[in-house]
C-alpha atoms as a PDB file:
ATOM      1  CA  MET A   1     -12.787  17.190  38.779  1.00  0.00           C
ATOM      2  CA  ASN A   2      -9.820  18.492  40.876  1.00  0.00           C
ATOM      3  CA  ASP A   3      -6.275  18.606  39.542  1.00  0.00           C
ATOM      4  CA  LYS A   4      -5.183  15.525  40.999  1.00  0.00           C
ATOM      5  CA  THR A   5      -8.020  13.612  39.744  1.00  0.00           C
ATOM      6  CA  HIS A   6      -7.697  14.832  36.193  1.00  0.00           C
ATOM      7  CA  VAL A   7      -3.940  14.102  36.241  1.00  0.00           C
ATOM      8  CA  ALA A   8      -4.858  10.499  37.262  1.00  0.00           C
ATOM      9  CA  HIS A   9      -7.182  10.149  34.604  1.00  0.00           C
ATOM     10  CA  THR A  10      -5.169  11.557  31.817  1.00  0.00           C
ATOM     11  CA  ARG A  11      -2.179   9.327  33.158  1.00  0.00           C
ATOM     12  CA  ARG A  12      -4.572   6.142  32.846  1.00  0.00           C
ATOM     13  CA  ASN A  13      -5.728   7.310  29.558  1.00  0.00           C
ATOM     14  CA  PHE A  14      -1.984   7.663  28.396  1.00  0.00           C
ATOM     15  CA  ILE A  15      -1.235   4.332  29.727  1.00  0.00           C
ATOM     16  CA  ALA A  16      -4.390   2.701  27.999  1.00  0.00           C
ATOM     17  CA  PHE A  17      -3.025   4.318  24.735  1.00  0.00           C
ATOM     18  CA  VAL A  18       0.332   2.846  25.078  1.00  0.00           C
ATOM     19  CA  GLY A  19      -1.112  -0.556  25.903  1.00  0.00           C
ATOM     20  CA  GLY A  20      -3.461  -0.338  22.900  1.00  0.00           C
ATOM     21  CA  LEU A  21      -0.275   0.663  20.551  1.00  0.00           C
ATOM     22  CA  ALA A  22       1.560  -2.322  22.034  1.00  0.00           C
ATOM     23  CA  THR A  23      -1.361  -4.554  21.204  1.00  0.00           C
ATOM     24  CA  LEU A  24      -1.360  -3.140  17.519  1.00  0.00           C
ATOM     25  CA  VAL A  25       2.231  -3.851  17.144  1.00  0.00           C
ATOM     26  CA  ALA A  26       1.913  -7.282  18.352  1.00  0.00           C
ATOM     27  CA  THR A  27      -0.899  -7.736  16.106  1.00  0.00           C
ATOM     28  CA  ALA A  28       1.111  -6.754  13.188  1.00  0.00           C
ATOM     29  CA  LEU A  29       3.660  -9.201  14.070  1.00  0.00           C
ATOM     30  CA  LEU A  30       1.241 -11.849  14.432  1.00  0.00           C
ATOM     31  CA  LEU A  31      -1.115 -11.243  11.203  1.00  0.00           C
ATOM     32  CA  GLY A  32       1.762 -11.217   8.626  1.00  0.00           C
ATOM     33  CA  SER A  33       0.246  -9.896   5.226  1.00  0.00           C
ATOM     34  CA  ILE A  34      -3.118  -9.483   3.613  1.00  0.00           C
ATOM     35  CA  GLY A  35      -3.825 -10.632   0.210  1.00  0.00           C
ATOM     36  CA  THR A  36      -2.316 -13.267  -1.937  1.00  0.00           C
ATOM     37  CA  ALA A  37       1.540 -13.591  -2.314  1.00  0.00           C
ATOM     38  CA  LYS A  38       3.791 -16.486  -3.502  1.00  0.00           C
ATOM     39  CA  ALA A  39       5.187 -18.920  -0.819  1.00  0.00           C
ATOM     40  CA  ASP A  40       8.647 -17.788  -1.346  1.00  0.00           C
ATOM     41  CA  ASP A  41       7.987 -13.968  -1.188  1.00  0.00           C
ATOM     42  CA  PRO A  42       8.972 -12.227   1.893  1.00  0.00           C
ATOM     43  CA  LYS A  43       6.106 -11.193   3.981  1.00  0.00           C
ATOM     44  CA  PRO A  44       5.785  -7.605   4.880  1.00  0.00           C
ATOM     45  CA  MET A  45       5.393  -6.691   8.516  1.00  0.00           C
ATOM     46  CA  LEU A  46       2.208  -4.836   8.890  1.00  0.00           C
ATOM     47  CA  MET A  47       1.164  -2.123  11.552  1.00  0.00           C
ATOM     48  CA  PHE A  48      -2.581  -1.699  12.046  1.00  0.00           C
ATOM     49  CA  VAL A  49      -4.404   1.281  13.273  1.00  0.00           C
ATOM     50  CA  GLN A  50      -7.602   0.970  15.173  1.00  0.00           C
ATOM     51  CA  LEU A  51      -9.581   4.146  16.157  1.00  0.00           C
ATOM     52  CA  ALA A  52     -12.023   3.862  19.197  1.00  0.00           C
ATOM     53  CA  GLN A  53     -14.045   6.267  21.332  1.00  0.00           C
ATOM     54  CA  GLY A  54     -12.675   4.891  24.439  1.00  0.00           C
ATOM     55  CA  VAL A  55     -10.640   1.990  26.142  1.00  0.00           C
ATOM     56  CA  LYS A  56     -11.482   0.062  29.227  1.00  0.00           C
ATOM     57  CA  ILE A  57      -8.621  -1.868  31.122  1.00  0.00           C
ATOM     58  CA  ASP A  58      -9.051  -4.716  33.586  1.00  0.00           C
ATOM     59  CA  PRO A  59      -6.042  -5.168  35.517  1.00  0.00           C
ATOM     60  CA  SER A  60      -7.291  -8.394  37.085  1.00  0.00           C
ATOM     61  CA  THR A  61      -7.609  -9.967  33.861  1.00  0.00           C
ATOM     62  CA  GLN A  62      -4.831  -8.128  32.086  1.00  0.00           C
ATOM     63  CA  THR A  63      -7.153  -7.201  29.379  1.00  0.00           C
ATOM     64  CA  LEU A  64      -7.554  -4.036  27.289  1.00  0.00           C
ATOM     65  CA  ARG A  65     -10.948  -3.481  25.597  1.00  0.00           C
ATOM     66  CA  LEU A  66     -11.557  -0.801  22.912  1.00  0.00           C
ATOM     67  CA  ILE A  67     -14.979   0.779  23.250  1.00  0.00           C
ATOM     68  CA  GLY A  68     -16.834   2.214  19.870  1.00  0.00           C
ATOM     69  CA  VAL A  69     -14.068   0.919  17.539  1.00  0.00           C
ATOM     70  CA  SER A  70     -14.267   1.946  14.051  1.00  0.00           C
ATOM     71  CA  PRO A  71     -15.626  -0.453  11.404  1.00  0.00           C
ATOM     72  CA  GLN A  72     -12.319  -0.160   9.423  1.00  0.00           C
ATOM     73  CA  THR A  73      -8.745  -1.106  10.264  1.00  0.00           C
ATOM     74  CA  LEU A  74      -6.067   0.614   8.697  1.00  0.00           C
ATOM     75  CA  TYR A  75      -2.800  -1.266   7.872  1.00  0.00           C
ATOM     76  CA  PHE A  76       0.420  -0.161   6.351  1.00  0.00           C
ATOM     77  CA  ALA A  77       4.007  -1.406   5.795  1.00  0.00           C
ATOM     78  CA  ASP A  78       7.165   0.018   4.236  1.00  0.00           C
ATOM     79  CA  ARG A  79       9.344  -3.109   3.864  1.00  0.00           C
ATOM     80  CA  PRO A  80       9.822  -4.967   1.696  1.00  0.00           C
ATOM     81  CA  GLU A  81       7.566  -2.866  -0.250  1.00  0.00           C
ATOM     82  CA  ARG A  82       5.365   0.042   0.694  1.00  0.00           C
ATOM     83  CA  ILE A  83       1.702  -0.721   1.067  1.00  0.00           C
ATOM     84  CA  ALA A  84      -1.243   0.568   2.807  1.00  0.00           C
ATOM     85  CA  GLY A  85      -5.011  -0.028   2.967  1.00  0.00           C
ATOM     86  CA  HIS A  86      -8.028  -0.987   5.118  1.00  0.00           C
ATOM     87  CA  ILE A  87      -9.921  -3.897   6.034  1.00  0.00           C
ATOM     88  CA  LYS A  88     -13.404  -4.381   7.508  1.00  0.00           C
ATOM     89  CA  MET A  89     -13.447  -5.266  11.175  1.00  0.00           C
ATOM     90  CA  ASP A  90     -15.019  -8.683  10.656  1.00  0.00           C
ATOM     91  CA  ALA A  91     -12.279  -9.783   8.167  1.00  0.00           C
ATOM     92  CA  PHE A  92      -9.760  -8.377  10.674  1.00  0.00           C
ATOM     93  CA  MET A  93     -11.187 -10.409  13.588  1.00  0.00           C
ATOM     94  CA  ALA A  94     -11.428 -13.451  11.325  1.00  0.00           C
ATOM     95  CA  GLU A  95      -7.471 -13.206  11.106  1.00  0.00           C
ATOM     96  CA  TRP A  96      -7.370 -13.880  14.878  1.00  0.00           C
ATOM     97  CA  THR A  97      -9.033 -17.025  14.652  1.00  0.00           C
ATOM     98  CA  SER A  98      -7.784 -18.416  11.469  1.00  0.00           C
ATOM     99  CA  LYS A  99      -4.963 -21.091  11.303  1.00  0.00           C
ATOM    100  CA  ALA A 100      -2.189 -20.436   9.024  1.00  0.00           C
END
């Protein structure tokens, strides 16, 4: 691999990482909170961390796919209270299809 190819590959990985990070932030905004809470309690804005061995980007469909994802997704928040934990991937994915 020559220097130009290496730079392009590194740049592409960095762009994929930033895209994945943006996806995780959007997920945090969409999912709200995990666990039970009273209806009048403010919901924490959660951030999620997903570890993967690789990433594939398809510009034609504008999709980002994580390859070899960890079976656990980490989450955390600092307001209105500090919380942190992990959730299994099947439960995390169920949140995407559940209707609030």
